[in-house]
Amino acid sequence: MFRRTFWFGTGVAAGVWATTKVNRKLKQLTPDSLAATAANKALDVGTRVRDRAVGFALDVRDNMAQREAELDDALGLAAPVDQPLAAPRHRAAIENRTNPQYVVDDRTPYSYNRNEDH
């Protein structure tokens, strides 16, 4: 009697386990589940590609800066400049009425408005 009860319980447990396993697999194969799985995998792939692209861009930027420094040294562009830069020959494009440099006389400030006469 005990032997039959044992095998009956084992059969019930195996049946429950197999039914649960089959139901999980069927749920994984529904269209909604397949779409969600595909979307998750696409997001994972996109994240990996983006991370690699960012790493590649950083490597390129570092190597570009290193090569630019090498070229500057080779061409003598990294040497300090003895002469200061020349002063700009043109006045600023933005009108500054408070600066005395732009005042023609005491009453009228000089205007750079190209459309003023038209």
N, C-alpha and C. Protein backbone atom coordinates (compact mmCIF):
# COMPACT_ATOMS: atom_id res chain seq x y z
N MET A 1 0.81 -1.19 0.00
CA MET A 1 0.00 0.00 0.00
C MET A 1 0.85 1.26 0.00
N PHE A 2 1.87 1.28 0.85
CA PHE A 2 2.75 2.44 0.92
C PHE A 2 3.48 2.64 -0.40
N ARG A 3 3.86 1.54 -1.05
CA ARG A 3 4.56 1.62 -2.33
C ARG A 3 3.67 2.26 -3.39
N ARG A 4 2.43 1.91 -3.45
CA ARG A 4 1.50 2.50 -4.43
C ARG A 4 1.29 3.99 -4.17
N THR A 5 1.18 4.37 -2.91
CA THR A 5 1.00 5.78 -2.56
C THR A 5 2.23 6.59 -2.96
N PHE A 6 3.39 6.00 -2.73
CA PHE A 6 4.64 6.68 -3.11
C PHE A 6 4.67 6.92 -4.61
N TRP A 7 4.39 5.90 -5.41
CA TRP A 7 4.45 6.06 -6.86
C TRP A 7 3.33 6.95 -7.37
N PHE A 8 2.21 6.91 -6.73
CA PHE A 8 1.13 7.81 -7.12
C PHE A 8 1.54 9.27 -6.87
N GLY A 9 2.13 9.56 -5.71
CA GLY A 9 2.60 10.91 -5.38
C GLY A 9 3.71 11.35 -6.32
N THR A 10 4.60 10.44 -6.66
CA THR A 10 5.68 10.76 -7.60
C THR A 10 5.10 11.08 -8.97
N GLY A 11 4.12 10.34 -9.40
CA GLY A 11 3.48 10.61 -10.69
C GLY A 11 2.77 11.95 -10.71
N VAL A 12 2.07 12.26 -9.62
CA VAL A 12 1.38 13.55 -9.52
C VAL A 12 2.40 14.68 -9.56
N ALA A 13 3.49 14.56 -8.81
CA ALA A 13 4.53 15.60 -8.80
C ALA A 13 5.14 15.76 -10.18
N ALA A 14 5.42 14.66 -10.86
CA ALA A 14 5.99 14.74 -12.21
C ALA A 14 5.00 15.38 -13.17
N GLY A 15 3.73 15.06 -13.03
CA GLY A 15 2.70 15.66 -13.89
C GLY A 15 2.58 17.16 -13.66
N VAL A 16 2.60 17.58 -12.41
CA VAL A 16 2.52 19.01 -12.09
C VAL A 16 3.75 19.73 -12.64
N TRP A 17 4.91 19.13 -12.44
CA TRP A 17 6.15 19.74 -12.93
C TRP A 17 6.12 19.86 -14.46
N ALA A 18 5.73 18.81 -15.15
CA ALA A 18 5.70 18.83 -16.62
C ALA A 18 4.66 19.82 -17.12
N THR A 19 3.50 19.88 -16.48
CA THR A 19 2.46 20.83 -16.89
C THR A 19 2.94 22.27 -16.70
N THR A 20 3.59 22.54 -15.58
CA THR A 20 4.11 23.88 -15.33
C THR A 20 5.16 24.25 -16.37
N LYS A 21 6.04 23.30 -16.68
CA LYS A 21 7.09 23.55 -17.66
C LYS A 21 6.49 23.83 -19.04
N VAL A 22 5.51 23.05 -19.45
CA VAL A 22 4.88 23.22 -20.76
C VAL A 22 4.13 24.56 -20.81
N ASN A 23 3.42 24.93 -19.74
CA ASN A 23 2.69 26.20 -19.72
C ASN A 23 3.64 27.40 -19.81
N ARG A 24 4.77 27.31 -19.12
CA ARG A 24 5.76 28.40 -19.22
C ARG A 24 6.28 28.54 -20.64
N LYS A 25 6.55 27.41 -21.27
CA LYS A 25 7.06 27.44 -22.64
C LYS A 25 6.02 27.99 -23.60
N LEU A 26 4.76 27.62 -23.41
CA LEU A 26 3.68 28.14 -24.25
C LEU A 26 3.51 29.65 -24.08
N LYS A 27 3.66 30.13 -22.85
CA LYS A 27 3.57 31.58 -22.61
C LYS A 27 4.72 32.31 -23.29
N GLN A 28 5.89 31.68 -23.34
CA GLN A 28 7.03 32.31 -24.00
C GLN A 28 6.84 32.38 -25.51
N LEU A 29 6.01 31.50 -26.05
CA LEU A 29 5.83 31.46 -27.50
C LEU A 29 4.61 32.25 -27.98
N THR A 30 3.95 32.98 -27.10
CA THR A 30 2.84 33.83 -27.55
C THR A 30 3.41 35.02 -28.31
N PRO A 31 2.64 35.60 -29.22
CA PRO A 31 3.14 36.73 -30.01
C PRO A 31 3.58 37.92 -29.16
N ASP A 32 2.83 38.23 -28.11
CA ASP A 32 3.21 39.36 -27.25
C ASP A 32 4.55 39.10 -26.57
N SER A 33 4.72 37.88 -26.08
CA SER A 33 5.97 37.54 -25.41
C SER A 33 7.14 37.54 -26.39
N LEU A 34 6.91 37.03 -27.59
CA LEU A 34 7.98 37.03 -28.60
C LEU A 34 8.36 38.46 -28.99
N ALA A 35 7.37 39.34 -29.11
CA ALA A 35 7.65 40.74 -29.44
C ALA A 35 8.43 41.42 -28.33
N ALA A 36 8.05 41.15 -27.08
CA ALA A 36 8.76 41.75 -25.95
C ALA A 36 10.19 41.24 -25.87
N THR A 37 10.37 39.96 -26.11
CA THR A 37 11.71 39.39 -26.09
C THR A 37 12.57 39.99 -27.20
N ALA A 38 12.01 40.13 -28.39
CA ALA A 38 12.75 40.72 -29.50
C ALA A 38 13.10 42.17 -29.19
N ALA A 39 12.18 42.92 -28.60
CA ALA A 39 12.45 44.32 -28.26
C ALA A 39 13.55 44.42 -27.21
N ASN A 40 13.51 43.55 -26.22
CA ASN A 40 14.55 43.56 -25.19
C ASN A 40 15.92 43.23 -25.78
N LYS A 41 15.96 42.26 -26.66
CA LYS A 41 17.24 41.90 -27.29
C LYS A 41 17.74 43.03 -28.17
N ALA A 42 16.83 43.71 -28.86
CA ALA A 42 17.24 44.85 -29.70
C ALA A 42 17.80 45.98 -28.83
N LEU A 43 17.17 46.22 -27.69
CA LEU A 43 17.69 47.24 -26.78
C LEU A 43 19.06 46.87 -26.25
N ASP A 44 19.25 45.59 -25.93
CA ASP A 44 20.55 45.14 -25.45
C ASP A 44 21.62 45.31 -26.52
N VAL A 45 21.29 44.93 -27.74
CA VAL A 45 22.25 45.08 -28.84
C VAL A 45 22.54 46.56 -29.08
N GLY A 46 21.51 47.40 -29.05
CA GLY A 46 21.71 48.83 -29.23
C GLY A 46 22.60 49.42 -28.15
N THR A 47 22.41 48.99 -26.93
CA THR A 47 23.25 49.48 -25.83
C THR A 47 24.69 49.05 -26.01
N ARG A 48 24.91 47.80 -26.41
CA ARG A 48 26.27 47.33 -26.62
C ARG A 48 26.94 48.08 -27.77
N VAL A 49 26.19 48.30 -28.86
CA VAL A 49 26.75 49.02 -30.01
C VAL A 49 27.08 50.45 -29.61
N ARG A 50 26.19 51.10 -28.87
CA ARG A 50 26.44 52.48 -28.44
C ARG A 50 27.67 52.55 -27.53
N ASP A 51 27.79 51.62 -26.60
CA ASP A 51 28.94 51.62 -25.70
C ASP A 51 30.24 51.44 -26.48
N ARG A 52 30.23 50.55 -27.46
CA ARG A 52 31.43 50.35 -28.27
C ARG A 52 31.72 51.57 -29.12
N ALA A 53 30.67 52.20 -29.65
CA ALA A 53 30.88 53.40 -30.48
C ALA A 53 31.43 54.54 -29.64
N VAL A 54 30.93 54.69 -28.41
CA VAL A 54 31.44 55.74 -27.53
C VAL A 54 32.90 55.46 -27.20
N GLY A 55 33.21 54.22 -26.90
CA GLY A 55 34.60 53.86 -26.62
C GLY A 55 35.50 54.12 -27.82
N PHE A 56 35.01 53.79 -29.00
CA PHE A 56 35.77 54.03 -30.22
C PHE A 56 35.97 55.52 -30.44
N ALA A 57 34.93 56.31 -30.23
CA ALA A 57 35.03 57.76 -30.42
C ALA A 57 36.03 58.36 -29.43
N LEU A 58 36.03 57.88 -28.20
CA LEU A 58 37.00 58.39 -27.22
C LEU A 58 38.42 58.01 -27.62
N ASP A 59 38.62 56.79 -28.11
CA ASP A 59 39.94 56.39 -28.58
C ASP A 59 40.40 57.24 -29.75
N VAL A 60 39.49 57.49 -30.68
CA VAL A 60 39.84 58.32 -31.84
C VAL A 60 40.21 59.73 -31.38
N ARG A 61 39.44 60.29 -30.46
CA ARG A 61 39.72 61.64 -29.97
C ARG A 61 41.08 61.71 -29.28
N ASP A 62 41.39 60.70 -28.45
CA ASP A 62 42.68 60.68 -27.77
C ASP A 62 43.83 60.58 -28.77
N ASN A 63 43.69 59.66 -29.73
CA ASN A 63 44.74 59.50 -30.73
C ASN A 63 44.86 60.74 -31.61
N MET A 64 43.76 61.40 -31.90
CA MET A 64 43.80 62.62 -32.70
C MET A 64 44.54 63.72 -31.95
N ALA A 65 44.28 63.87 -30.66
CA ALA A 65 44.98 64.88 -29.87
C ALA A 65 46.47 64.57 -29.78
N GLN A 66 46.80 63.30 -29.64
CA GLN A 66 48.20 62.91 -29.57
C GLN A 66 48.90 63.21 -30.90
N ARG A 67 48.27 62.88 -32.00
CA ARG A 67 48.86 63.13 -33.32
C ARG A 67 48.98 64.63 -33.60
N GLU A 68 47.98 65.39 -33.16
CA GLU A 68 48.04 66.84 -33.34
C GLU A 68 49.20 67.43 -32.55
N ALA A 69 49.42 66.93 -31.35
CA ALA A 69 50.56 67.40 -30.56
C ALA A 69 51.88 67.03 -31.24
N GLU A 70 51.96 65.83 -31.82
CA GLU A 70 53.17 65.44 -32.54
C GLU A 70 53.42 66.35 -33.74
N LEU A 71 52.36 66.66 -34.47
CA LEU A 71 52.51 67.54 -35.63
C LEU A 71 52.88 68.96 -35.21
N ASP A 72 52.29 69.44 -34.12
CA ASP A 72 52.65 70.76 -33.61
C ASP A 72 54.13 70.82 -33.24
N ASP A 73 54.63 69.77 -32.59
CA ASP A 73 56.05 69.72 -32.25
C ASP A 73 56.92 69.66 -33.50
N ALA A 74 56.50 68.86 -34.47
CA ALA A 74 57.29 68.71 -35.69
C ALA A 74 57.33 70.01 -36.51
N LEU A 75 56.25 70.76 -36.51
CA LEU A 75 56.18 71.99 -37.29
C LEU A 75 56.60 73.22 -36.50
N GLY A 76 56.87 73.04 -35.23
CA GLY A 76 57.29 74.17 -34.40
C GLY A 76 56.13 75.05 -33.97
N LEU A 77 54.94 74.55 -34.03
CA LEU A 77 53.79 75.35 -33.65
C LEU A 77 53.57 75.35 -32.14
N ALA A 78 54.19 74.45 -31.44
CA ALA A 78 54.02 74.37 -30.00
C ALA A 78 54.95 75.32 -29.27
N ALA A 79 55.91 75.94 -30.01
CA ALA A 79 56.86 76.85 -29.38
C ALA A 79 56.13 78.11 -28.93
N PRO A 80 56.60 78.74 -27.84
CA PRO A 80 55.95 79.97 -27.39
C PRO A 80 56.15 81.09 -28.40
N VAL A 81 55.17 81.95 -28.52
CA VAL A 81 55.22 83.06 -29.46
C VAL A 81 55.82 84.27 -28.76
N ASP A 82 56.84 84.89 -29.39
CA ASP A 82 57.50 86.04 -28.79
C ASP A 82 56.71 87.32 -29.01
N GLN A 83 56.08 87.45 -30.16
CA GLN A 83 55.37 88.67 -30.47
C GLN A 83 53.89 88.52 -30.11
N PRO A 84 53.31 89.59 -29.57
CA PRO A 84 51.86 89.50 -29.30
C PRO A 84 51.09 89.59 -30.61
N LEU A 85 49.88 89.18 -30.55
CA LEU A 85 49.02 89.24 -31.73
C LEU A 85 48.74 90.69 -32.10
N ALA A 86 48.60 90.93 -33.40
CA ALA A 86 48.29 92.28 -33.86
C ALA A 86 46.90 92.68 -33.41
N ALA A 87 46.72 93.98 -33.19
CA ALA A 87 45.41 94.48 -32.79
C ALA A 87 44.45 94.36 -33.96
N PRO A 88 43.18 94.12 -33.69
CA PRO A 88 42.22 94.01 -34.80
C PRO A 88 42.11 95.34 -35.54
N ARG A 89 42.01 95.25 -36.86
CA ARG A 89 41.95 96.45 -37.69
C ARG A 89 40.52 96.97 -37.84
N HIS A 90 39.56 96.16 -37.57
CA HIS A 90 38.17 96.56 -37.72
C HIS A 90 37.54 96.72 -36.35
N ARG A 91 36.61 97.62 -36.28
CA ARG A 91 35.91 97.81 -35.01
C ARG A 91 34.93 96.66 -34.80
N ALA A 92 34.49 96.54 -33.62
CA ALA A 92 33.57 95.45 -33.28
C ALA A 92 32.28 95.60 -34.05
N ALA A 93 31.70 94.48 -34.41
CA ALA A 93 30.46 94.49 -35.17
C ALA A 93 29.27 94.84 -34.28
N ILE A 94 29.41 94.66 -33.01
CA ILE A 94 28.32 94.97 -32.09
C ILE A 94 28.47 96.41 -31.63
N GLU A 95 27.42 97.13 -31.71
CA GLU A 95 27.43 98.54 -31.36
C GLU A 95 27.52 98.69 -29.84
N ASN A 96 28.44 99.52 -29.40
CA ASN A 96 28.62 99.77 -27.98
C ASN A 96 28.57 101.28 -27.78
N ARG A 97 27.45 101.81 -27.42
CA ARG A 97 27.27 103.26 -27.33
C ARG A 97 27.92 103.85 -26.08
N THR A 98 28.25 103.03 -25.10
CA THR A 98 28.83 103.57 -23.88
C THR A 98 30.34 103.67 -23.95
N ASN A 99 30.97 103.00 -24.89
CA ASN A 99 32.43 103.04 -25.02
C ASN A 99 32.83 104.33 -25.75
N PRO A 100 33.75 105.10 -25.21
CA PRO A 100 34.13 106.36 -25.87
C PRO A 100 34.78 106.14 -27.23
N GLN A 101 35.27 104.97 -27.51
CA GLN A 101 35.90 104.69 -28.80
C GLN A 101 34.89 104.83 -29.93
N TYR A 102 33.63 104.59 -29.67
CA TYR A 102 32.62 104.60 -30.71
C TYR A 102 31.83 105.92 -30.78
N VAL A 103 32.17 106.88 -29.96
CA VAL A 103 31.45 108.15 -29.94
C VAL A 103 32.14 109.12 -30.88
N VAL A 104 31.40 109.65 -31.88
CA VAL A 104 31.96 110.59 -32.84
C VAL A 104 32.09 111.96 -32.21
N ASP A 105 31.06 112.46 -31.63
CA ASP A 105 31.12 113.70 -30.86
C ASP A 105 30.34 113.47 -29.57
N ASP A 106 30.17 114.51 -28.82
CA ASP A 106 29.53 114.35 -27.52
C ASP A 106 28.05 114.00 -27.63
N ARG A 107 27.42 114.33 -28.74
CA ARG A 107 25.98 114.16 -28.86
C ARG A 107 25.58 112.87 -29.56
N THR A 108 26.28 112.49 -30.63
CA THR A 108 25.84 111.38 -31.47
C THR A 108 26.86 110.24 -31.44
N PRO A 109 26.47 109.08 -30.96
CA PRO A 109 27.39 107.95 -31.04
C PRO A 109 27.46 107.41 -32.47
N TYR A 110 28.61 106.88 -32.81
CA TYR A 110 28.82 106.29 -34.14
C TYR A 110 28.01 105.02 -34.25
N SER A 111 27.34 104.80 -35.36
CA SER A 111 26.46 103.65 -35.53
C SER A 111 26.98 102.74 -36.64
N TYR A 112 26.92 101.44 -36.42
CA TYR A 112 27.32 100.47 -37.43
C TYR A 112 26.12 99.80 -38.07
N ASN A 113 24.97 100.35 -37.94
CA ASN A 113 23.77 99.75 -38.50
C ASN A 113 23.75 99.95 -39.99
N ARG A 114 23.93 98.88 -40.76
CA ARG A 114 23.99 98.98 -42.22
C ARG A 114 22.66 99.38 -42.83
N ASN A 115 21.59 99.09 -42.16
CA ASN A 115 20.26 99.36 -42.71
C ASN A 115 19.72 100.72 -42.28
N GLU A 116 20.53 101.48 -41.60
CA GLU A 116 20.06 102.74 -41.06
C GLU A 116 19.71 103.75 -42.16
N ASP A 117 20.47 103.79 -43.26
CA ASP A 117 20.28 104.78 -44.31
C ASP A 117 19.26 104.34 -45.35
N HIS A 118 18.77 103.17 -45.30
CA HIS A 118 17.90 102.67 -46.36
C HIS A 118 16.47 102.74 -46.00
